PDB file of N, CA and C in Angstrom:
ATOM      1  N   MET A   1     263.724 102.015 198.467  1.00  0.00           N
ATOM      2  CA  MET A   1     262.336 102.432 198.635  1.00  0.00           C
ATOM      3  C   MET A   1     261.539 101.225 199.153  1.00  0.00           C
ATOM      4  N   LYS A   2     261.438 101.045 200.436  1.00  0.00           N
ATOM      5  CA  LYS A   2     260.651  99.972 201.019  1.00  0.00           C
ATOM      6  C   LYS A   2     259.177 100.300 200.863  1.00  0.00           C
ATOM      7  N   CYS A   3     258.414  99.322 200.402  1.00  0.00           N
ATOM      8  CA  CYS A   3     256.989  99.573 200.131  1.00  0.00           C
ATOM      9  C   CYS A   3     256.237 100.013 201.375  1.00  0.00           C
ATOM     10  N   GLU A   4     256.603  99.480 202.535  1.00  0.00           N
ATOM     11  CA  GLU A   4     255.898  99.825 203.772  1.00  0.00           C
ATOM     12  C   GLU A   4     255.997 101.308 204.130  1.00  0.00           C
ATOM     13  N   LYS A   5     256.970 101.985 203.555  1.00  0.00           N
ATOM     14  CA  LYS A   5     257.156 103.411 203.825  1.00  0.00           C
ATOM     15  C   LYS A   5     256.319 104.298 202.908  1.00  0.00           C
ATOM     16  N   LEU A   6     255.783 103.720 201.847  1.00  0.00           N
ATOM     17  CA  LEU A   6     255.036 104.497 200.854  1.00  0.00           C
ATOM     18  C   LEU A   6     253.571 104.650 201.256  1.00  0.00           C
ATOM     19  N   ASP A   7     253.104 105.887 201.301  1.00  0.00           N
ATOM     20  CA  ASP A   7     251.699 106.144 201.620  1.00  0.00           C
ATOM     21  C   ASP A   7     250.767 105.504 200.601  1.00  0.00           C
ATOM     22  N   VAL A   8     251.187 105.475 199.337  1.00  0.00           N
ATOM     23  CA  VAL A   8     250.349 104.883 198.293  1.00  0.00           C
ATOM     24  C   VAL A   8     250.198 103.374 198.522  1.00  0.00           C
ATOM     25  N   TRP A   9     251.251 102.726 198.974  1.00  0.00           N
ATOM     26  CA  TRP A   9     251.178 101.300 199.284  1.00  0.00           C
ATOM     27  C   TRP A   9     250.227 101.058 200.450  1.00  0.00           C
ATOM     28  N   LYS A  10     250.334 101.884 201.488  1.00  0.00           N
ATOM     29  CA  LYS A  10     249.449 101.752 202.659  1.00  0.00           C
ATOM     30  C   LYS A  10     247.988 101.925 202.262  1.00  0.00           C
ATOM     31  N   LYS A  11     247.715 102.906 201.431  1.00  0.00           N
ATOM     32  CA  LYS A  11     246.345 103.167 200.980  1.00  0.00           C
ATOM     33  C   LYS A  11     245.827 102.007 200.134  1.00  0.00           C
ATOM     34  N   ALA A  12     246.654 101.494 199.235  1.00  0.00           N
ATOM     35  CA  ALA A  12     246.261 100.369 198.389  1.00  0.00           C
ATOM     36  C   ALA A  12     246.074  99.095 199.232  1.00  0.00           C
ATOM     37  N   LEU A  13     246.907  98.902 200.218  1.00  0.00           N
ATOM     38  CA  LEU A  13     246.782  97.750 201.117  1.00  0.00           C
ATOM     39  C   LEU A  13     245.441  97.778 201.837  1.00  0.00           C
ATOM     40  N   ASN A  14     245.106  98.935 202.395  1.00  0.00           N
ATOM     41  CA  ASN A  14     243.835  99.070 203.120  1.00  0.00           C
ATOM     42  C   ASN A  14     242.637  98.864 202.198  1.00  0.00           C
ATOM     43  N   LEU A  15     242.739  99.343 200.970  1.00  0.00           N
ATOM     44  CA  LEU A  15     241.669  99.136 199.995  1.00  0.00           C
ATOM     45  C   LEU A  15     241.489  97.641 199.734  1.00  0.00           C
ATOM     46  N   SER A  16     242.564  96.930 199.485  1.00  0.00           N
ATOM     47  CA  SER A  16     242.482  95.504 199.190  1.00  0.00           C
ATOM     48  C   SER A  16     241.902  94.726 200.375  1.00  0.00           C
ATOM     49  N   ILE A  17     242.324  95.059 201.566  1.00  0.00           N
ATOM     50  CA  ILE A  17     241.791  94.398 202.772  1.00  0.00           C
ATOM     51  C   ILE A  17     240.292  94.631 202.875  1.00  0.00           C
ATOM     52  N   ASP A  18     239.861  95.849 202.612  1.00  0.00           N
ATOM     53  CA  ASP A  18     238.432  96.186 202.671  1.00  0.00           C
ATOM     54  C   ASP A  18     237.643  95.384 201.640  1.00  0.00           C
ATOM     55  N   VAL A  19     238.176  95.273 200.438  1.00  0.00           N
ATOM     56  CA  VAL A  19     237.506  94.512 199.373  1.00  0.00           C
ATOM     57  C   VAL A  19     237.349  93.051 199.801  1.00  0.00           C
ATOM     58  N   TYR A  20     238.404  92.471 200.320  1.00  0.00           N
ATOM     59  CA  TYR A  20     238.322  91.072 200.768  1.00  0.00           C
ATOM     60  C   TYR A  20     237.271  90.912 201.861  1.00  0.00           C
ATOM     61  N   LYS A  21     237.205  91.847 202.788  1.00  0.00           N
ATOM     62  CA  LYS A  21     236.219  91.754 203.877  1.00  0.00           C
ATOM     63  C   LYS A  21     234.788  91.864 203.351  1.00  0.00           C
ATOM     64  N   VAL A  22     234.556  92.798 202.441  1.00  0.00           N
ATOM     65  CA  VAL A  22     233.206  93.005 201.909  1.00  0.00           C
ATOM     66  C   VAL A  22     232.726  91.787 201.125  1.00  0.00           C
ATOM     67  N   PHE A  23     233.621  91.152 200.384  1.00  0.00           N
ATOM     68  CA  PHE A  23     233.221  90.044 199.519  1.00  0.00           C
ATOM     69  C   PHE A  23     233.474  88.659 200.120  1.00  0.00           C
ATOM     70  N   LYS A  24     233.811  88.591 201.398  1.00  0.00           N
ATOM     71  CA  LYS A  24     234.156  87.294 201.996  1.00  0.00           C
ATOM     72  C   LYS A  24     233.034  86.276 201.919  1.00  0.00           C
ATOM     73  N   ASP A  25     231.782  86.717 201.957  1.00  0.00           N
ATOM     74  CA  ASP A  25     230.646  85.792 201.913  1.00  0.00           C
ATOM     75  C   ASP A  25     229.943  85.755 200.566  1.00  0.00           C
ATOM     76  N   CYS A  26     230.509  86.402 199.569  1.00  0.00           N
ATOM     77  CA  CYS A  26     229.895  86.433 198.236  1.00  0.00           C
ATOM     78  C   CYS A  26     229.922  85.031 197.621  1.00  0.00           C
ATOM     79  N   LYS A  27     228.765  84.604 197.144  1.00  0.00           N
ATOM     80  CA  LYS A  27     228.652  83.255 196.564  1.00  0.00           C
ATOM     81  C   LYS A  27     228.991  83.231 195.072  1.00  0.00           C
ATOM     82  N   ASP A  28     229.077  84.398 194.447  1.00  0.00           N
ATOM     83  CA  ASP A  28     229.479  84.466 193.043  1.00  0.00           C
ATOM     84  C   ASP A  28     231.012  84.448 193.019  1.00  0.00           C
ATOM     85  N   PHE A  29     231.552  83.241 193.016  1.00  0.00           N
ATOM     86  CA  PHE A  29     232.997  83.084 193.178  1.00  0.00           C
ATOM     87  C   PHE A  29     233.795  83.686 192.027  1.00  0.00           C
ATOM     88  N   SER A  30     233.231  83.701 190.851  1.00  0.00           N
ATOM     89  CA  SER A  30     233.916  84.288 189.706  1.00  0.00           C
ATOM     90  C   SER A  30     234.086  85.796 189.897  1.00  0.00           C
ATOM     91  N   PHE A  31     233.013  86.483 190.247  1.00  0.00           N
ATOM     92  CA  PHE A  31     233.096  87.931 190.461  1.00  0.00           C
ATOM     93  C   PHE A  31     233.977  88.240 191.663  1.00  0.00           C
ATOM     94  N   LYS A  32     233.758  87.504 192.742  1.00  0.00           N
ATOM     95  CA  LYS A  32     234.548  87.699 193.964  1.00  0.00           C
ATOM     96  C   LYS A  32     236.043  87.553 193.667  1.00  0.00           C
ATOM     97  N   ASP A  33     236.391  86.516 192.896  1.00  0.00           N
ATOM     98  CA  ASP A  33     237.776  86.262 192.535  1.00  0.00           C
ATOM     99  C   ASP A  33     238.363  87.418 191.723  1.00  0.00           C
ATOM    100  N   GLN A  34     237.611  87.909 190.749  1.00  0.00           N
ATOM    101  CA  GLN A  34     238.091  88.983 189.882  1.00  0.00           C
ATOM    102  C   GLN A  34     238.335  90.283 190.656  1.00  0.00           C
ATOM    103  N   ILE A  35     237.366  90.692 191.470  1.00  0.00           N
ATOM    104  CA  ILE A  35     237.501  91.991 192.143  1.00  0.00           C
ATOM    105  C   ILE A  35     238.545  91.935 193.262  1.00  0.00           C
ATOM    106  N   THR A  36     238.633  90.791 193.951  1.00  0.00           N
ATOM    107  CA  THR A  36     239.657  90.699 194.995  1.00  0.00           C
ATOM    108  C   THR A  36     241.054  90.610 194.370  1.00  0.00           C
ATOM    109  N   LYS A  37     241.183  89.881 193.266  1.00  0.00           N
ATOM    110  CA  LYS A  37     242.491  89.789 192.610  1.00  0.00           C
ATOM    111  C   LYS A  37     242.946  91.129 192.039  1.00  0.00           C
ATOM    112  N   SER A  38     242.015  91.897 191.476  1.00  0.00           N
ATOM    113  CA  SER A  38     242.438  93.191 190.924  1.00  0.00           C
ATOM    114  C   SER A  38     242.880  94.137 192.038  1.00  0.00           C
ATOM    115  N   SER A  39     242.177  94.099 193.179  1.00  0.00           N
ATOM    116  CA  SER A  39     242.596  94.963 194.294  1.00  0.00           C
ATOM    117  C   SER A  39     243.946  94.506 194.846  1.00  0.00           C
ATOM    118  N   LEU A  40     244.145  93.200 194.908  1.00  0.00           N
ATOM    119  CA  LEU A  40     245.415  92.652 195.373  1.00  0.00           C
ATOM    120  C   LEU A  40     246.550  92.988 194.405  1.00  0.00           C
ATOM    121  N   SER A  41     246.243  93.003 193.120  1.00  0.00           N
ATOM    122  CA  SER A  41     247.240  93.314 192.105  1.00  0.00           C
ATOM    123  C   SER A  41     247.730  94.761 192.215  1.00  0.00           C
ATOM    124  N   ILE A  42     246.846  95.662 192.598  1.00  0.00           N
ATOM    125  CA  ILE A  42     247.249  97.068 192.762  1.00  0.00           C
ATOM    126  C   ILE A  42     248.368  97.168 193.780  1.00  0.00           C
ATOM    127  N   VAL A  43     248.112  96.688 194.981  1.00  0.00           N
ATOM    128  CA  VAL A  43     249.085  96.815 196.068  1.00  0.00           C
ATOM    129  C   VAL A  43     250.327  95.956 195.798  1.00  0.00           C
ATOM    130  N   SER A  44     250.148  94.796 195.178  1.00  0.00           N
ATOM    131  CA  SER A  44     251.292  93.926 194.889  1.00  0.00           C
ATOM    132  C   SER A  44     252.237  94.546 193.872  1.00  0.00           C
ATOM    133  N   ASN A  45     251.698  95.185 192.844  1.00  0.00           N
ATOM    134  CA  ASN A  45     252.555  95.844 191.854  1.00  0.00           C
ATOM    135  C   ASN A  45     253.276  97.049 192.441  1.00  0.00           C
ATOM    136  N   ILE A  46     252.624  97.760 193.348  1.00  0.00           N
ATOM    137  CA  ILE A  46     253.301  98.871 194.028  1.00  0.00           C
ATOM    138  C   ILE A  46     254.467  98.325 194.848  1.00  0.00           C
ATOM    139  N   ALA A  47     254.233  97.231 195.574  1.00  0.00           N
ATOM    140  CA  ALA A  47     255.290  96.622 196.386  1.00  0.00           C
ATOM    141  C   ALA A  47     256.449  96.159 195.515  1.00  0.00           C
ATOM    142  N   GLU A  48     256.119  95.438 194.439  1.00  0.00           N
ATOM    143  CA  GLU A  48     257.177  94.933 193.576  1.00  0.00           C
ATOM    144  C   GLU A  48     257.961  96.066 192.925  1.00  0.00           C
ATOM    145  N   GLY A  49     257.248  97.085 192.449  1.00  0.00           N
ATOM    146  CA  GLY A  49     257.923  98.222 191.830  1.00  0.00           C
ATOM    147  C   GLY A  49     258.836  98.960 192.784  1.00  0.00           C
ATOM    148  N   SER A  50     258.395  99.076 194.021  1.00  0.00           N
ATOM    149  CA  SER A  50     259.199  99.829 194.998  1.00  0.00           C
ATOM    150  C   SER A  50     260.523  99.147 195.308  1.00  0.00           C
ATOM    151  N   GLU A  51     260.599  97.854 195.070  1.00  0.00           N
ATOM    152  CA  GLU A  51     261.824  97.106 195.368  1.00  0.00           C
ATOM    153  C   GLU A  51     262.738  96.944 194.163  1.00  0.00           C
ATOM    154  N   ARG A  52     262.326  97.423 193.004  1.00  0.00           N
ATOM    155  CA  ARG A  52     263.162  97.343 191.803  1.00  0.00           C
ATOM    156  C   ARG A  52     264.317  98.332 191.911  1.00  0.00           C
ATOM    157  N   PHE A  53     265.397  98.011 191.232  1.00  0.00           N
ATOM    158  CA  PHE A  53     266.591  98.832 191.354  1.00  0.00           C
ATOM    159  C   PHE A  53     266.597 100.027 190.407  1.00  0.00           C
ATOM    160  N   SER A  54     266.102  99.848 189.203  1.00  0.00           N
ATOM    161  CA  SER A  54     266.144 100.968 188.267  1.00  0.00           C
ATOM    162  C   SER A  54     264.818 101.727 188.286  1.00  0.00           C
ATOM    163  N   ASP A  55     264.909 103.013 188.003  1.00  0.00           N
ATOM    164  CA  ASP A  55     263.710 103.841 187.953  1.00  0.00           C
ATOM    165  C   ASP A  55     262.751 103.377 186.855  1.00  0.00           C
ATOM    166  N   LEU A  56     263.311 102.923 185.722  1.00  0.00           N
ATOM    167  CA  LEU A  56     262.454 102.435 184.632  1.00  0.00           C
ATOM    168  C   LEU A  56     261.647 101.214 185.058  1.00  0.00           C
ATOM    169  N   GLU A  57     262.266 100.322 185.825  1.00  0.00           N
ATOM    170  CA  GLU A  57     261.536  99.156 186.327  1.00  0.00           C
ATOM    171  C   GLU A  57     260.471  99.572 187.340  1.00  0.00           C
ATOM    172  N   LYS A  58     260.819 100.497 188.214  1.00  0.00           N
ATOM    173  CA  LYS A  58     259.839 100.996 189.186  1.00  0.00           C
ATOM    174  C   LYS A  58     258.628 101.573 188.454  1.00  0.00           C
ATOM    175  N   ILE A  59     258.897 102.386 187.455  1.00  0.00           N
ATOM    176  CA  ILE A  59     257.829 103.015 186.676  1.00  0.00           C
ATOM    177  C   ILE A  59     256.949 101.958 186.022  1.00  0.00           C
ATOM    178  N   ARG A  60     257.578 100.941 185.451  1.00  0.00           N
ATOM    179  CA  ARG A  60     256.809  99.893 184.774  1.00  0.00           C
ATOM    180  C   ARG A  60     255.819  99.231 185.737  1.00  0.00           C
ATOM    181  N   PHE A  61     256.242  98.904 186.951  1.00  0.00           N
ATOM    182  CA  PHE A  61     255.339  98.257 187.902  1.00  0.00           C
ATOM    183  C   PHE A  61     254.294  99.226 188.446  1.00  0.00           C
ATOM    184  N   PHE A  62     254.646 100.490 188.595  1.00  0.00           N
ATOM    185  CA  PHE A  62     253.637 101.474 189.006  1.00  0.00           C
ATOM    186  C   PHE A  62     252.589 101.638 187.904  1.00  0.00           C
ATOM    187  N   GLU A  63     253.018 101.531 186.657  1.00  0.00           N
ATOM    188  CA  GLU A  63     252.062 101.575 185.539  1.00  0.00           C
ATOM    189  C   GLU A  63     251.172 100.335 185.533  1.00  0.00           C
ATOM    190  N   TYR A  64     251.741  99.176 185.881  1.00  0.00           N
ATOM    191  CA  TYR A  64     250.909  97.968 186.011  1.00  0.00           C
ATOM    192  C   TYR A  64     249.842  98.181 187.088  1.00  0.00           C
ATOM    193  N   ALA A  65     250.238  98.822 188.185  1.00  0.00           N
ATOM    194  CA  ALA A  65     249.280  99.101 189.270  1.00  0.00           C
ATOM    195  C   ALA A  65     248.153 100.006 188.767  1.00  0.00           C
ATOM    196  N   ILE A  66     248.493 100.964 187.915  1.00  0.00           N
ATOM    197  CA  ILE A  66     247.468 101.845 187.334  1.00  0.00           C
ATOM    198  C   ILE A  66     246.512 101.035 186.459  1.00  0.00           C
ATOM    199  N   GLY A  67     247.040 100.087 185.703  1.00  0.00           N
ATOM    200  CA  GLY A  67     246.190  99.207 184.906  1.00  0.00           C
ATOM    201  C   GLY A  67     245.260  98.386 185.790  1.00  0.00           C
ATOM    202  N   SER A  68     245.774  97.898 186.890  1.00  0.00           N
ATOM    203  CA  SER A  68     244.942  97.140 187.833  1.00  0.00           C
ATOM    204  C   SER A  68     243.876  98.030 188.468  1.00  0.00           C
ATOM    205  N   LEU A  69     244.203  99.290 188.679  1.00  0.00           N
ATOM    206  CA  LEU A  69     243.209 100.249 189.185  1.00  0.00           C
ATOM    207  C   LEU A  69     242.047 100.387 188.210  1.00  0.00           C
ATOM    208  N   ALA A  70     242.355 100.474 186.924  1.00  0.00           N
ATOM    209  CA  ALA A  70     241.305 100.588 185.907  1.00  0.00           C
ATOM    210  C   ALA A  70     240.427  99.342 185.912  1.00  0.00           C
ATOM    211  N   GLU A  71     241.056  98.182 186.026  1.00  0.00           N
ATOM    212  CA  GLU A  71     240.316  96.930 186.092  1.00  0.00           C
ATOM    213  C   GLU A  71     239.414  96.917 187.336  1.00  0.00           C
ATOM    214  N   PHE A  72     239.971  97.314 188.463  1.00  0.00           N
ATOM    215  CA  PHE A  72     239.215  97.343 189.716  1.00  0.00           C
ATOM    216  C   PHE A  72     238.023  98.298 189.629  1.00  0.00           C
ATOM    217  N   GLN A  73     238.242  99.486 189.075  1.00  0.00           N
ATOM    218  CA  GLN A  73     237.142 100.441 188.960  1.00  0.00           C
ATOM    219  C   GLN A  73     236.043  99.918 188.036  1.00  0.00           C
ATOM    220  N   THR A  74     236.429  99.227 186.979  1.00  0.00           N
ATOM    221  CA  THR A  74     235.440  98.621 186.081  1.00  0.00           C
ATOM    222  C   THR A  74     234.604  97.591 186.835  1.00  0.00           C
ATOM    223  N   GLN A  75     235.254  96.777 187.641  1.00  0.00           N
ATOM    224  CA  GLN A  75     234.535  95.771 188.417  1.00  0.00           C
ATOM    225  C   GLN A  75     233.640  96.410 189.472  1.00  0.00           C
ATOM    226  N   CYS A  76     234.056  97.537 190.009  1.00  0.00           N
ATOM    227  CA  CYS A  76     233.206  98.272 190.961  1.00  0.00           C
ATOM    228  C   CYS A  76     231.929  98.754 190.272  1.00  0.00           C
ATOM    229  N   ILE A  77     232.073  99.273 189.064  1.00  0.00           N
ATOM    230  CA  ILE A  77     230.902  99.743 188.307  1.00  0.00           C
ATOM    231  C   ILE A  77     229.944  98.575 188.073  1.00  0.00           C
ATOM    232  N   ILE A  78     230.486  97.460 187.629  1.00  0.00           N
ATOM    233  CA  ILE A  78     229.648  96.286 187.396  1.00  0.00           C
ATOM    234  C   ILE A  78     229.010  95.816 188.711  1.00  0.00           C
ATOM    235  N   GLY A  79     229.804  95.755 189.769  1.00  0.00           N
ATOM    236  CA  GLY A  79     229.288  95.339 191.074  1.00  0.00           C
ATOM    237  C   GLY A  79     228.149  96.209 191.570  1.00  0.00           C
ATOM    238  N   LYS A  80     228.270  97.500 191.324  1.00  0.00           N
ATOM    239  CA  LYS A  80     227.194  98.426 191.713  1.00  0.00           C
ATOM    240  C   LYS A  80     225.956  98.166 190.872  1.00  0.00           C
ATOM    241  N   GLU A  81     226.131  97.990 189.586  1.00  0.00           N
ATOM    242  CA  GLU A  81     225.000  97.810 188.674  1.00  0.00           C
ATOM    243  C   GLU A  81     224.246  96.492 188.903  1.00  0.00           C
ATOM    244  N   ILE A  82     224.931  95.473 189.374  1.00  0.00           N
ATOM    245  CA  ILE A  82     224.261  94.187 189.621  1.00  0.00           C
ATOM    246  C   ILE A  82     223.939  93.988 191.107  1.00  0.00           C
ATOM    247  N   ASN A  83     224.068  95.072 191.873  1.00  0.00           N
ATOM    248  CA  ASN A  83     223.708  95.088 193.304  1.00  0.00           C
ATOM    249  C   ASN A  83     224.553  94.169 194.182  1.00  0.00           C
ATOM    250  N   TYR A  84     225.796  93.958 193.792  1.00  0.00           N
ATOM    251  CA  TYR A  84     226.752  93.258 194.651  1.00  0.00           C
ATOM    252  C   TYR A  84     227.475  94.242 195.558  1.00  0.00           C
ATOM    253  N   LEU A  85     227.423  95.507 195.191  1.00  0.00           N
ATOM    254  CA  LEU A  85     228.173  96.552 195.877  1.00  0.00           C
ATOM    255  C   LEU A  85     227.221  97.687 196.224  1.00  0.00           C
ATOM    256  N   THR A  86     227.236  98.089 197.486  1.00  0.00           N
ATOM    257  CA  THR A  86     226.392  99.207 197.891  1.00  0.00           C
ATOM    258  C   THR A  86     226.934 100.502 197.283  1.00  0.00           C
ATOM    259  N   LEU A  87     226.076 101.481 197.171  1.00  0.00           N
ATOM    260  CA  LEU A  87     226.500 102.790 196.669  1.00  0.00           C
ATOM    261  C   LEU A  87     227.574 103.377 197.581  1.00  0.00           C
ATOM    262  N   GLU A  88     227.454 103.135 198.866  1.00  0.00           N
ATOM    263  CA  GLU A  88     228.441 103.628 199.832  1.00  0.00           C
ATOM    264  C   GLU A  88     229.825 103.039 199.557  1.00  0.00           C
ATOM    265  N   HIS A  89     229.901 101.726 199.393  1.00  0.00           N
ATOM    266  CA  HIS A  89     231.195 101.099 199.100  1.00  0.00           C
ATOM    267  C   HIS A  89     231.709 101.524 197.727  1.00  0.00           C
ATOM    268  N   TYR A  90     230.807 101.588 196.761  1.00  0.00           N
ATOM    269  CA  TYR A  90     231.201 102.021 195.420  1.00  0.00           C
ATOM    270  C   TYR A  90     231.856 103.402 195.468  1.00  0.00           C
ATOM    271  N   ASN A  91     231.179 104.364 196.074  1.00  0.00           N
ATOM    272  CA  ASN A  91     231.706 105.731 196.148  1.00  0.00           C
ATOM    273  C   ASN A  91     233.037 105.777 196.895  1.00  0.00           C
ATOM    274  N   LYS A  92     233.113 105.040 197.989  1.00  0.00           N
ATOM    275  CA  LYS A  92     234.342 105.011 198.791  1.00  0.00           C
ATOM    276  C   LYS A  92     235.501 104.429 197.983  1.00  0.00           C
ATOM    277  N   TRP A  93     235.254 103.300 197.327  1.00  0.00           N
ATOM    278  CA  TRP A  93     236.340 102.635 196.600  1.00  0.00           C
ATOM    279  C   TRP A  93     236.760 103.388 195.344  1.00  0.00           C
ATOM    280  N   ILE A  94     235.825 104.006 194.669  1.00  0.00           N
ATOM    281  CA  ILE A  94     236.186 104.804 193.488  1.00  0.00           C
ATOM    282  C   ILE A  94     237.020 106.004 193.931  1.00  0.00           C
ATOM    283  N   SER A  95     236.605 106.652 195.012  1.00  0.00           N
ATOM    284  CA  SER A  95     237.351 107.799 195.534  1.00  0.00           C
ATOM    285  C   SER A  95     238.763 107.382 195.967  1.00  0.00           C
ATOM    286  N   GLU A  96     238.854 106.288 196.693  1.00  0.00           N
ATOM    287  CA  GLU A  96     240.166 105.813 197.151  1.00  0.00           C
ATOM    288  C   GLU A  96     241.057 105.405 195.977  1.00  0.00           C
ATOM    289  N   SER A  97     240.471 104.745 194.987  1.00  0.00           N
ATOM    290  CA  SER A  97     241.291 104.325 193.849  1.00  0.00           C
ATOM    291  C   SER A  97     241.716 105.524 192.994  1.00  0.00           C
ATOM    292  N   ASP A  98     240.863 106.543 192.912  1.00  0.00           N
ATOM    293  CA  ASP A  98     241.261 107.784 192.222  1.00  0.00           C
ATOM    294  C   ASP A  98     242.447 108.434 192.935  1.00  0.00           C
ATOM    295  N   GLU A  99     242.410 108.415 194.263  1.00  0.00           N
ATOM    296  CA  GLU A  99     243.507 108.994 195.041  1.00  0.00           C
ATOM    297  C   GLU A  99     244.797 108.189 194.845  1.00  0.00           C
ATOM    298  N   ILE A 100     244.686 106.874 194.839  1.00  0.00           N
ATOM    299  CA  ILE A 100     245.848 106.021 194.595  1.00  0.00           C
ATOM    300  C   ILE A 100     246.423 106.311 193.212  1.00  0.00           C
ATOM    301  N   HIS A 101     245.549 106.469 192.235  1.00  0.00           N
ATOM    302  CA  HIS A 101     245.980 106.791 190.867  1.00  0.00           C
ATOM    303  C   HIS A 101     246.798 108.083 190.847  1.00  0.00           C
ATOM    304  N   LYS A 102     246.295 109.120 191.497  1.00  0.00           N
ATOM    305  CA  LYS A 102     247.009 110.401 191.544  1.00  0.00           C
ATOM    306  C   LYS A 102     248.363 110.254 192.224  1.00  0.00           C
ATOM    307  N   MET A 103     248.402 109.479 193.288  1.00  0.00           N
ATOM    308  CA  MET A 103     249.661 109.268 194.002  1.00  0.00           C
ATOM    309  C   MET A 103     250.670 108.523 193.120  1.00  0.00           C
ATOM    310  N   LEU A 104     250.203 107.531 192.374  1.00  0.00           N
ATOM    311  CA  LEU A 104     251.094 106.790 191.480  1.00  0.00           C
ATOM    312  C   LEU A 104     251.608 107.672 190.352  1.00  0.00           C
ATOM    313  N   ILE A 105     250.750 108.498 189.800  1.00  0.00           N
ATOM    314  CA  ILE A 105     251.184 109.436 188.754  1.00  0.00           C
ATOM    315  C   ILE A 105     252.266 110.359 189.312  1.00  0.00           C
ATOM    316  N   GLY A 106     252.071 110.818 190.533  1.00  0.00           N
ATOM    317  CA  GLY A 106     253.078 111.669 191.178  1.00  0.00           C
ATOM    318  C   GLY A 106     254.413 110.954 191.357  1.00  0.00           C
ATOM    319  N   LEU A 107     254.367 109.699 191.777  1.00  0.00           N
ATOM    320  CA  LEU A 107     255.598 108.925 191.929  1.00  0.00           C
ATOM    321  C   LEU A 107     256.295 108.733 190.593  1.00  0.00           C
ATOM    322  N   ILE A 108     255.519 108.421 189.571  1.00  0.00           N
ATOM    323  CA  ILE A 108     256.082 108.210 188.228  1.00  0.00           C
ATOM    324  C   ILE A 108     256.744 109.481 187.726  1.00  0.00           C
ATOM    325  N   LYS A 109     256.061 110.617 187.881  1.00  0.00           N
ATOM    326  CA  LYS A 109     256.646 111.901 187.450  1.00  0.00           C
ATOM    327  C   LYS A 109     257.933 112.189 188.185  1.00  0.00           C
ATOM    328  N   LYS A 110     257.964 111.905 189.473  1.00  0.00           N
ATOM    329  CA  LYS A 110     259.163 112.132 190.264  1.00  0.00           C
ATOM    330  C   LYS A 110     260.326 111.250 189.784  1.00  0.00           C
ATOM    331  N   LEU A 111     260.002 110.017 189.439  1.00  0.00           N
ATOM    332  CA  LEU A 111     261.039 109.090 188.966  1.00  0.00           C
ATOM    333  C   LEU A 111     261.554 109.447 187.577  1.00  0.00           C
ATOM    334  N   LYS A 112     260.725 110.094 186.765  1.00  0.00           N
ATOM    335  CA  LYS A 112     261.131 110.463 185.405  1.00  0.00           C
ATOM    336  C   LYS A 112     262.035 111.684 185.371  1.00  0.00           C
ATOM    337  N   LYS A 113     262.146 112.414 186.458  1.00  0.00           N
ATOM    338  CA  LYS A 113     262.984 113.623 186.483  1.00  0.00           C
ATOM    339  C   LYS A 113     264.445 113.286 186.534  1.00  0.00           C
TER     340      LYS A 113
END
């Protein structure tokens, strides 16, 4: 299962790239670091999980990606509330991360069969 072939990996990759672009000039380095790292962690865990040999290992890394999604969504909420994130970006990223979550749940269910 090469990660580049997975639609969920492609979607998570594009999300992370978008986050880095939006926050490239942010002067709050602590917040910038947290939100970019959580987005990077989503796609990285999907990549690592896809290359594992056992289904249990794949599932574990896909679950880590789900945890990173929760962290990312929390940071989006905070970013919106402190006006670091526009409502447009907030809505887009929450929607995209919800879709990634559903895709990961689907992969996990498929692997558990």
